[in-house]
């Protein structure tokens, strides 16, 4: 892990196009801003972990192929 000290209004740059800027420091909170391309997904870690858990659950579910076939057959008739 790389550990850096930054003051308010100072930044770090990741690669060529991601900037993380310290916007303010108040009591026990640091407010940061992130500038990144639109195709870069940015999540709070607790949200990211929830997404990963939901993906694992969804990946372990089985699909009833007959129900799936009926869905496509029904829509085909419409």
PDB file of N, CA and C in Angstrom:
ATOM      1  N   UNK A   1       0.854  -1.175   0.000  1.00  0.00           N
ATOM      2  CA  UNK A   1       0.000   0.000   0.000  1.00  0.00           C
ATOM      3  C   UNK A   1       0.896   1.232   0.000  1.00  0.00           C
ATOM      4  N   UNK A   2       0.585   2.141  -0.870  1.00  0.00           N
ATOM      5  CA  UNK A   2       1.262   3.430  -0.919  1.00  0.00           C
ATOM      6  C   UNK A   2       0.532   4.392   0.002  1.00  0.00           C
ATOM      7  N   UNK A   3       1.249   5.047   0.885  1.00  0.00           N
ATOM      8  CA  UNK A   3       0.643   5.995   1.815  1.00  0.00           C
ATOM      9  C   UNK A   3       1.185   7.384   1.509  1.00  0.00           C
ATOM     10  N   UNK A   4       0.277   8.334   1.258  1.00  0.00           N
ATOM     11  CA  UNK A   4       0.655   9.709   0.940  1.00  0.00           C
ATOM     12  C   UNK A   4      -0.050  10.663   1.891  1.00  0.00           C
ATOM     13  N   UNK A   5       0.599  11.763   2.185  1.00  0.00           N
ATOM     14  CA  UNK A   5      -0.047  12.837   2.955  1.00  0.00           C
ATOM     15  C   UNK A   5      -0.421  13.938   1.978  1.00  0.00           C
ATOM     16  N   UNK A   6      -1.622  14.446   2.103  1.00  0.00           N
ATOM     17  CA  UNK A   6      -2.088  15.538   1.251  1.00  0.00           C
ATOM     18  C   UNK A   6      -2.816  16.536   2.128  1.00  0.00           C
ATOM     19  N   UNK A   7      -2.763  17.781   1.756  1.00  0.00           N
ATOM     20  CA  UNK A   7      -3.515  18.847   2.428  1.00  0.00           C
ATOM     21  C   UNK A   7      -4.733  19.180   1.569  1.00  0.00           C
ATOM     22  N   UNK A   8      -5.647  19.954   2.116  1.00  0.00           N
ATOM     23  CA  UNK A   8      -6.813  20.387   1.342  1.00  0.00           C
ATOM     24  C   UNK A   8      -6.349  21.065   0.059  1.00  0.00           C
ATOM     25  N   UNK A   9      -7.039  20.792  -1.024  1.00  0.00           N
ATOM     26  CA  UNK A   9      -6.764  21.303  -2.373  1.00  0.00           C
ATOM     27  C   UNK A   9      -5.544  20.668  -3.031  1.00  0.00           C
ATOM     28  N   UNK A  10      -4.970  19.634  -2.438  1.00  0.00           N
ATOM     29  CA  UNK A  10      -3.878  18.914  -3.087  1.00  0.00           C
ATOM     30  C   UNK A  10      -4.432  17.620  -3.681  1.00  0.00           C
ATOM     31  N   UNK A  11      -3.750  17.101  -4.691  1.00  0.00           N
ATOM     32  CA  UNK A  11      -4.242  15.944  -5.439  1.00  0.00           C
ATOM     33  C   UNK A  11      -3.183  14.878  -5.578  1.00  0.00           C
ATOM     34  N   UNK A  12      -3.646  13.706  -5.998  1.00  0.00           N
ATOM     35  CA  UNK A  12      -2.762  12.672  -6.526  1.00  0.00           C
ATOM     36  C   UNK A  12      -3.347  12.269  -7.874  1.00  0.00           C
ATOM     37  N   UNK A  13      -2.502  11.755  -8.733  1.00  0.00           N
ATOM     38  CA  UNK A  13      -2.929  11.363 -10.075  1.00  0.00           C
ATOM     39  C   UNK A  13      -2.611   9.881 -10.261  1.00  0.00           C
ATOM     40  N   UNK A  14      -3.606   9.152 -10.760  1.00  0.00           N
ATOM     41  CA  UNK A  14      -3.437   7.733 -11.081  1.00  0.00           C
ATOM     42  C   UNK A  14      -3.453   7.594 -12.591  1.00  0.00           C
ATOM     43  N   UNK A  15      -2.398   7.040 -13.128  1.00  0.00           N
ATOM     44  CA  UNK A  15      -2.313   6.908 -14.579  1.00  0.00           C
ATOM     45  C   UNK A  15      -2.325   8.281 -15.233  1.00  0.00           C
ATOM     46  N   UNK A  16      -2.921   8.342 -16.405  1.00  0.00           N
ATOM     47  CA  UNK A  16      -2.958   9.597 -17.157  1.00  0.00           C
ATOM     48  C   UNK A  16      -4.219  10.398 -16.929  1.00  0.00           C
ATOM     49  N   UNK A  17      -5.293   9.749 -16.448  1.00  0.00           N
ATOM     50  CA  UNK A  17      -6.572  10.454 -16.489  1.00  0.00           C
ATOM     51  C   UNK A  17      -7.443  10.320 -15.238  1.00  0.00           C
ATOM     52  N   UNK A  18      -6.857   9.930 -14.118  1.00  0.00           N
ATOM     53  CA  UNK A  18      -7.624   9.864 -12.874  1.00  0.00           C
ATOM     54  C   UNK A  18      -6.949  10.747 -11.837  1.00  0.00           C
ATOM     55  N   UNK A  19      -7.723  11.672 -11.299  1.00  0.00           N
ATOM     56  CA  UNK A  19      -7.209  12.580 -10.272  1.00  0.00           C
ATOM     57  C   UNK A  19      -8.074  12.459  -9.019  1.00  0.00           C
ATOM     58  N   UNK A  20      -7.427  12.341  -7.880  1.00  0.00           N
ATOM     59  CA  UNK A  20      -8.121  12.306  -6.593  1.00  0.00           C
ATOM     60  C   UNK A  20      -7.660  13.529  -5.816  1.00  0.00           C
ATOM     61  N   UNK A  21      -8.620  14.390  -5.477  1.00  0.00           N
ATOM     62  CA  UNK A  21      -8.299  15.665  -4.840  1.00  0.00           C
ATOM     63  C   UNK A  21      -8.936  15.748  -3.460  1.00  0.00           C
ATOM     64  N   UNK A  22      -8.165  16.185  -2.486  1.00  0.00           N
ATOM     65  CA  UNK A  22      -8.690  16.429  -1.146  1.00  0.00           C
ATOM     66  C   UNK A  22      -9.424  17.770  -1.195  1.00  0.00           C
ATOM     67  N   UNK A  23     -10.734  17.736  -0.992  1.00  0.00           N
ATOM     68  CA  UNK A  23     -11.529  18.960  -1.063  1.00  0.00           C
ATOM     69  C   UNK A  23     -11.573  19.687   0.273  1.00  0.00           C
ATOM     70  N   UNK A  24     -11.733  18.922   1.341  1.00  0.00           N
ATOM     71  CA  UNK A  24     -11.757  19.547   2.661  1.00  0.00           C
ATOM     72  C   UNK A  24     -11.459  18.504   3.736  1.00  0.00           C
ATOM     73  N   UNK A  25     -11.023  19.003   4.879  1.00  0.00           N
ATOM     74  CA  UNK A  25     -10.769  18.151   6.038  1.00  0.00           C
ATOM     75  C   UNK A  25     -11.470  18.814   7.220  1.00  0.00           C
ATOM     76  N   UNK A  26     -12.437  18.097   7.799  1.00  0.00           N
ATOM     77  CA  UNK A  26     -13.189  18.642   8.927  1.00  0.00           C
ATOM     78  C   UNK A  26     -13.313  17.572   9.995  1.00  0.00           C
ATOM     79  N   UNK A  27     -12.862  17.871  11.191  1.00  0.00           N
ATOM     80  CA  UNK A  27     -12.903  16.938  12.315  1.00  0.00           C
ATOM     81  C   UNK A  27     -12.328  15.589  11.892  1.00  0.00           C
ATOM     82  N   UNK A  28     -13.138  14.542  11.862  1.00  0.00           N
ATOM     83  CA  UNK A  28     -12.633  13.211  11.528  1.00  0.00           C
ATOM     84  C   UNK A  28     -13.031  12.755  10.124  1.00  0.00           C
ATOM     85  N   UNK A  29     -13.368  13.710   9.248  1.00  0.00           N
ATOM     86  CA  UNK A  29     -13.781  13.358   7.889  1.00  0.00           C
ATOM     87  C   UNK A  29     -12.932  14.090   6.862  1.00  0.00           C
ATOM     88  N   UNK A  30     -12.651  13.362   5.797  1.00  0.00           N
ATOM     89  CA  UNK A  30     -11.944  13.933   4.652  1.00  0.00           C
ATOM     90  C   UNK A  30     -12.888  13.860   3.467  1.00  0.00           C
ATOM     91  N   UNK A  31     -13.131  14.975   2.801  1.00  0.00           N
ATOM     92  CA  UNK A  31     -13.980  14.987   1.609  1.00  0.00           C
ATOM     93  C   UNK A  31     -13.053  14.993   0.402  1.00  0.00           C
ATOM     94  N   UNK A  32     -13.271  14.003  -0.493  1.00  0.00           N
ATOM     95  CA  UNK A  32     -12.432  13.915  -1.685  1.00  0.00           C
ATOM     96  C   UNK A  32     -13.287  14.041  -2.934  1.00  0.00           C
ATOM     97  N   UNK A  33     -12.654  14.473  -3.994  1.00  0.00           N
ATOM     98  CA  UNK A  33     -13.290  14.523  -5.305  1.00  0.00           C
ATOM     99  C   UNK A  33     -12.476  13.664  -6.255  1.00  0.00           C
ATOM    100  N   UNK A  34     -13.147  12.984  -7.149  1.00  0.00           N
ATOM    101  CA  UNK A  34     -12.470  12.104  -8.101  1.00  0.00           C
ATOM    102  C   UNK A  34     -12.859  12.512  -9.514  1.00  0.00           C
ATOM    103  N   UNK A  35     -11.870  12.769 -10.326  1.00  0.00           N
ATOM    104  CA  UNK A  35     -12.080  13.048 -11.735  1.00  0.00           C
ATOM    105  C   UNK A  35     -11.556  11.852 -12.513  1.00  0.00           C
ATOM    106  N   UNK A  36     -12.443  11.229 -13.297  1.00  0.00           N
ATOM    107  CA  UNK A  36     -12.070  10.027 -14.047  1.00  0.00           C
ATOM    108  C   UNK A  36     -12.935   9.939 -15.291  1.00  0.00           C
ATOM    109  N   UNK A  37     -12.488   9.197 -16.294  1.00  0.00           N
ATOM    110  CA  UNK A  37     -13.308   8.987 -17.487  1.00  0.00           C
ATOM    111  C   UNK A  37     -14.628   8.309 -17.110  1.00  0.00           C
ATOM    112  N   UNK A  38     -15.646   8.519 -17.919  1.00  0.00           N
ATOM    113  CA  UNK A  38     -16.969   7.959 -17.647  1.00  0.00           C
ATOM    114  C   UNK A  38     -16.981   6.433 -17.624  1.00  0.00           C
ATOM    115  N   UNK A  39     -16.057   5.791 -18.321  1.00  0.00           N
ATOM    116  CA  UNK A  39     -16.051   4.331 -18.340  1.00  0.00           C
ATOM    117  C   UNK A  39     -15.382   3.717 -17.106  1.00  0.00           C
ATOM    118  N   UNK A  40     -14.862   4.534 -16.208  1.00  0.00           N
ATOM    119  CA  UNK A  40     -14.262   4.037 -14.968  1.00  0.00           C
ATOM    120  C   UNK A  40     -15.343   4.017 -13.889  1.00  0.00           C
ATOM    121  N   UNK A  41     -15.611   2.834 -13.366  1.00  0.00           N
ATOM    122  CA  UNK A  41     -16.612   2.707 -12.313  1.00  0.00           C
ATOM    123  C   UNK A  41     -15.987   3.090 -10.976  1.00  0.00           C
ATOM    124  N   UNK A  42     -16.706   3.890 -10.197  1.00  0.00           N
ATOM    125  CA  UNK A  42     -16.228   4.333  -8.892  1.00  0.00           C
ATOM    126  C   UNK A  42     -17.312   4.021  -7.872  1.00  0.00           C
ATOM    127  N   UNK A  43     -16.956   3.247  -6.854  1.00  0.00           N
ATOM    128  CA  UNK A  43     -17.897   2.863  -5.807  1.00  0.00           C
ATOM    129  C   UNK A  43     -17.257   3.057  -4.441  1.00  0.00           C
ATOM    130  N   UNK A  44     -18.091   3.361  -3.443  1.00  0.00           N
ATOM    131  CA  UNK A  44     -17.624   3.249  -2.066  1.00  0.00           C
ATOM    132  C   UNK A  44     -17.396   1.765  -1.821  1.00  0.00           C
ATOM    133  N   UNK A  45     -16.395   1.426  -1.011  1.00  0.00           N
ATOM    134  CA  UNK A  45     -16.038   0.020  -0.844  1.00  0.00           C
ATOM    135  C   UNK A  45     -17.201  -0.822  -0.333  1.00  0.00           C
ATOM    136  N   UNK A  46     -17.980  -0.317   0.628  1.00  0.00           N
ATOM    137  CA  UNK A  46     -19.072  -1.118   1.170  1.00  0.00           C
ATOM    138  C   UNK A  46     -20.125  -1.422   0.100  1.00  0.00           C
ATOM    139  N   UNK A  47     -20.331  -0.493  -0.826  1.00  0.00           N
ATOM    140  CA  UNK A  47     -21.271  -0.723  -1.933  1.00  0.00           C
ATOM    141  C   UNK A  47     -20.680  -1.735  -2.909  1.00  0.00           C
ATOM    142  N   UNK A  48     -19.402  -1.602  -3.203  1.00  0.00           N
ATOM    143  CA  UNK A  48     -18.721  -2.536  -4.100  1.00  0.00           C
ATOM    144  C   UNK A  48     -18.815  -3.965  -3.573  1.00  0.00           C
ATOM    145  N   UNK A  49     -18.603  -4.142  -2.266  1.00  0.00           N
ATOM    146  CA  UNK A  49     -18.683  -5.466  -1.669  1.00  0.00           C
ATOM    147  C   UNK A  49     -20.100  -6.031  -1.745  1.00  0.00           C
ATOM    148  N   UNK A  50     -21.109  -5.183  -1.563  1.00  0.00           N
ATOM    149  CA  UNK A  50     -22.505  -5.627  -1.704  1.00  0.00           C
ATOM    150  C   UNK A  50     -22.786  -6.085  -3.133  1.00  0.00           C
ATOM    151  N   UNK A  51     -22.296  -5.346  -4.101  1.00  0.00           N
ATOM    152  CA  UNK A  51     -22.486  -5.706  -5.512  1.00  0.00           C
ATOM    153  C   UNK A  51     -21.837  -7.057  -5.789  1.00  0.00           C
ATOM    154  N   UNK A  52     -20.623  -7.252  -5.277  1.00  0.00           N
ATOM    155  CA  UNK A  52     -19.932  -8.524  -5.489  1.00  0.00           C
ATOM    156  C   UNK A  52     -20.717  -9.690  -4.879  1.00  0.00           C
ATOM    157  N   UNK A  53     -21.266  -9.476  -3.686  1.00  0.00           N
ATOM    158  CA  UNK A  53     -22.042 -10.521  -3.023  1.00  0.00           C
ATOM    159  C   UNK A  53     -23.305 -10.849  -3.817  1.00  0.00           C
ATOM    160  N   UNK A  54     -23.998  -9.825  -4.314  1.00  0.00           N
ATOM    161  CA  UNK A  54     -25.203 -10.052  -5.125  1.00  0.00           C
ATOM    162  C   UNK A  54     -24.853 -10.787  -6.416  1.00  0.00           C
ATOM    163  N   UNK A  55     -23.716 -10.455  -7.015  1.00  0.00           N
ATOM    164  CA  UNK A  55     -23.290 -11.146  -8.234  1.00  0.00           C
ATOM    165  C   UNK A  55     -23.013 -12.617  -7.960  1.00  0.00           C
ATOM    166  N   UNK A  56     -22.410 -12.911  -6.804  1.00  0.00           N
ATOM    167  CA  UNK A  56     -22.161 -14.309  -6.443  1.00  0.00           C
ATOM    168  C   UNK A  56     -23.478 -15.062  -6.282  1.00  0.00           C
ATOM    169  N   UNK A  57     -24.449 -14.424  -5.612  1.00  0.00           N
ATOM    170  CA  UNK A  57     -25.754 -15.060  -5.424  1.00  0.00           C
ATOM    171  C   UNK A  57     -26.426 -15.316  -6.765  1.00  0.00           C
ATOM    172  N   UNK A  58     -26.395 -14.323  -7.635  1.00  0.00           N
ATOM    173  CA  UNK A  58     -27.039 -14.455  -8.944  1.00  0.00           C
ATOM    174  C   UNK A  58     -26.353 -15.529  -9.779  1.00  0.00           C
ATOM    175  N   UNK A  59     -25.052 -15.647  -9.665  1.00  0.00           N
ATOM    176  CA  UNK A  59     -24.309 -16.631 -10.429  1.00  0.00           C
ATOM    177  C   UNK A  59     -24.563 -18.054  -9.978  1.00  0.00           C
ATOM    178  N   UNK A  60     -24.995 -18.219  -8.738  1.00  0.00           N
ATOM    179  CA  UNK A  60     -25.217 -19.569  -8.226  1.00  0.00           C
ATOM    180  C   UNK A  60     -26.656 -20.035  -8.405  1.00  0.00           C
ATOM    181  N   UNK A  61     -27.512 -19.170  -8.907  1.00  0.00           N
ATOM    182  CA  UNK A  61     -28.905 -19.562  -9.123  1.00  0.00           C
ATOM    183  C   UNK A  61     -29.012 -20.396 -10.387  1.00  0.00           C
ATOM    184  N   UNK A  62     -29.936 -21.359 -10.367  1.00  0.00           N
ATOM    185  CA  UNK A  62     -30.156 -22.182 -11.553  1.00  0.00           C
ATOM    186  C   UNK A  62     -31.326 -21.618 -12.358  1.00  0.00           C
ATOM    187  N   UNK A  63     -31.314 -21.895 -13.622  1.00  0.00           N
ATOM    188  CA  UNK A  63     -32.364 -21.413 -14.520  1.00  0.00           C
ATOM    189  C   UNK A  63     -33.194 -22.600 -14.980  1.00  0.00           C
ATOM    190  N   UNK A  64     -34.505 -22.474 -14.882  1.00  0.00           N
ATOM    191  CA  UNK A  64     -35.410 -23.495 -15.403  1.00  0.00           C
ATOM    192  C   UNK A  64     -35.535 -23.245 -16.906  1.00  0.00           C
ATOM    193  N   UNK A  65     -34.916 -24.102 -17.688  1.00  0.00           N
ATOM    194  CA  UNK A  65     -34.873 -23.901 -19.134  1.00  0.00           C
ATOM    195  C   UNK A  65     -36.259 -23.951 -19.767  1.00  0.00           C
ATOM    196  N   UNK A  66     -37.171 -24.731 -19.202  1.00  0.00           N
ATOM    197  CA  UNK A  66     -38.536 -24.787 -19.743  1.00  0.00           C
ATOM    198  C   UNK A  66     -39.239 -23.446 -19.563  1.00  0.00           C
ATOM    199  N   UNK A  67     -39.070 -22.814 -18.389  1.00  0.00           N
ATOM    200  CA  UNK A  67     -39.667 -21.492 -18.168  1.00  0.00           C
ATOM    201  C   UNK A  67     -39.070 -20.471 -19.129  1.00  0.00           C
ATOM    202  N   UNK A  68     -37.756 -20.540 -19.302  1.00  0.00           N
ATOM    203  CA  UNK A  68     -37.094 -19.618 -20.218  1.00  0.00           C
ATOM    204  C   UNK A  68     -37.595 -19.826 -21.649  1.00  0.00           C
ATOM    205  N   UNK A  69     -37.732 -21.062 -22.057  1.00  0.00           N
ATOM    206  CA  UNK A  69     -38.238 -21.371 -23.397  1.00  0.00           C
ATOM    207  C   UNK A  69     -39.649 -20.827 -23.575  1.00  0.00           C
ATOM    208  N   UNK A  70     -40.502 -20.981 -22.539  1.00  0.00           N
ATOM    209  CA  UNK A  70     -41.872 -20.473 -22.606  1.00  0.00           C
ATOM    210  C   UNK A  70     -41.912 -18.961 -22.730  1.00  0.00           C
ATOM    211  N   UNK A  71     -41.000 -18.286 -22.068  1.00  0.00           N
ATOM    212  CA  UNK A  71     -40.948 -16.819 -22.163  1.00  0.00           C
ATOM    213  C   UNK A  71     -40.700 -16.399 -23.610  1.00  0.00           C
ATOM    214  N   UNK A  72     -39.710 -17.025 -24.243  1.00  0.00           N
ATOM    215  CA  UNK A  72     -39.392 -16.664 -25.623  1.00  0.00           C
ATOM    216  C   UNK A  72     -40.487 -17.092 -26.583  1.00  0.00           C
ATOM    217  N   UNK A  73     -41.096 -18.224 -26.340  1.00  0.00           N
ATOM    218  CA  UNK A  73     -42.186 -18.706 -27.193  1.00  0.00           C
ATOM    219  C   UNK A  73     -43.381 -17.780 -27.108  1.00  0.00           C
ATOM    220  N   UNK A  74     -43.725 -17.339 -25.885  1.00  0.00           N
ATOM    221  CA  UNK A  74     -44.852 -16.428 -25.662  1.00  0.00           C
ATOM    222  C   UNK A  74     -44.617 -15.112 -26.373  1.00  0.00           C
ATOM    223  N   UNK A  75     -43.417 -14.561 -26.278  1.00  0.00           N
ATOM    224  CA  UNK A  75     -43.122 -13.276 -26.910  1.00  0.00           C
ATOM    225  C   UNK A  75     -43.041 -13.398 -28.426  1.00  0.00           C
ATOM    226  N   UNK A  76     -42.689 -14.553 -28.889  1.00  0.00           N
ATOM    227  CA  UNK A  76     -42.593 -14.786 -30.322  1.00  0.00           C
ATOM    228  C   UNK A  76     -43.974 -14.709 -30.980  1.00  0.00           C
ATOM    229  N   UNK A  77     -45.014 -15.160 -30.265  1.00  0.00           N
ATOM    230  CA  UNK A  77     -46.373 -15.149 -30.792  1.00  0.00           C
ATOM    231  C   UNK A  77     -46.952 -13.756 -30.860  1.00  0.00           C
ATOM    232  N   UNK A  78     -46.465 -12.846 -30.005  1.00  0.00           N
ATOM    233  CA  UNK A  78     -47.029 -11.461 -29.954  1.00  0.00           C
ATOM    234  C   UNK A  78     -46.667 -10.631 -31.145  1.00  0.00           C
TER     235      UNK A  78
END
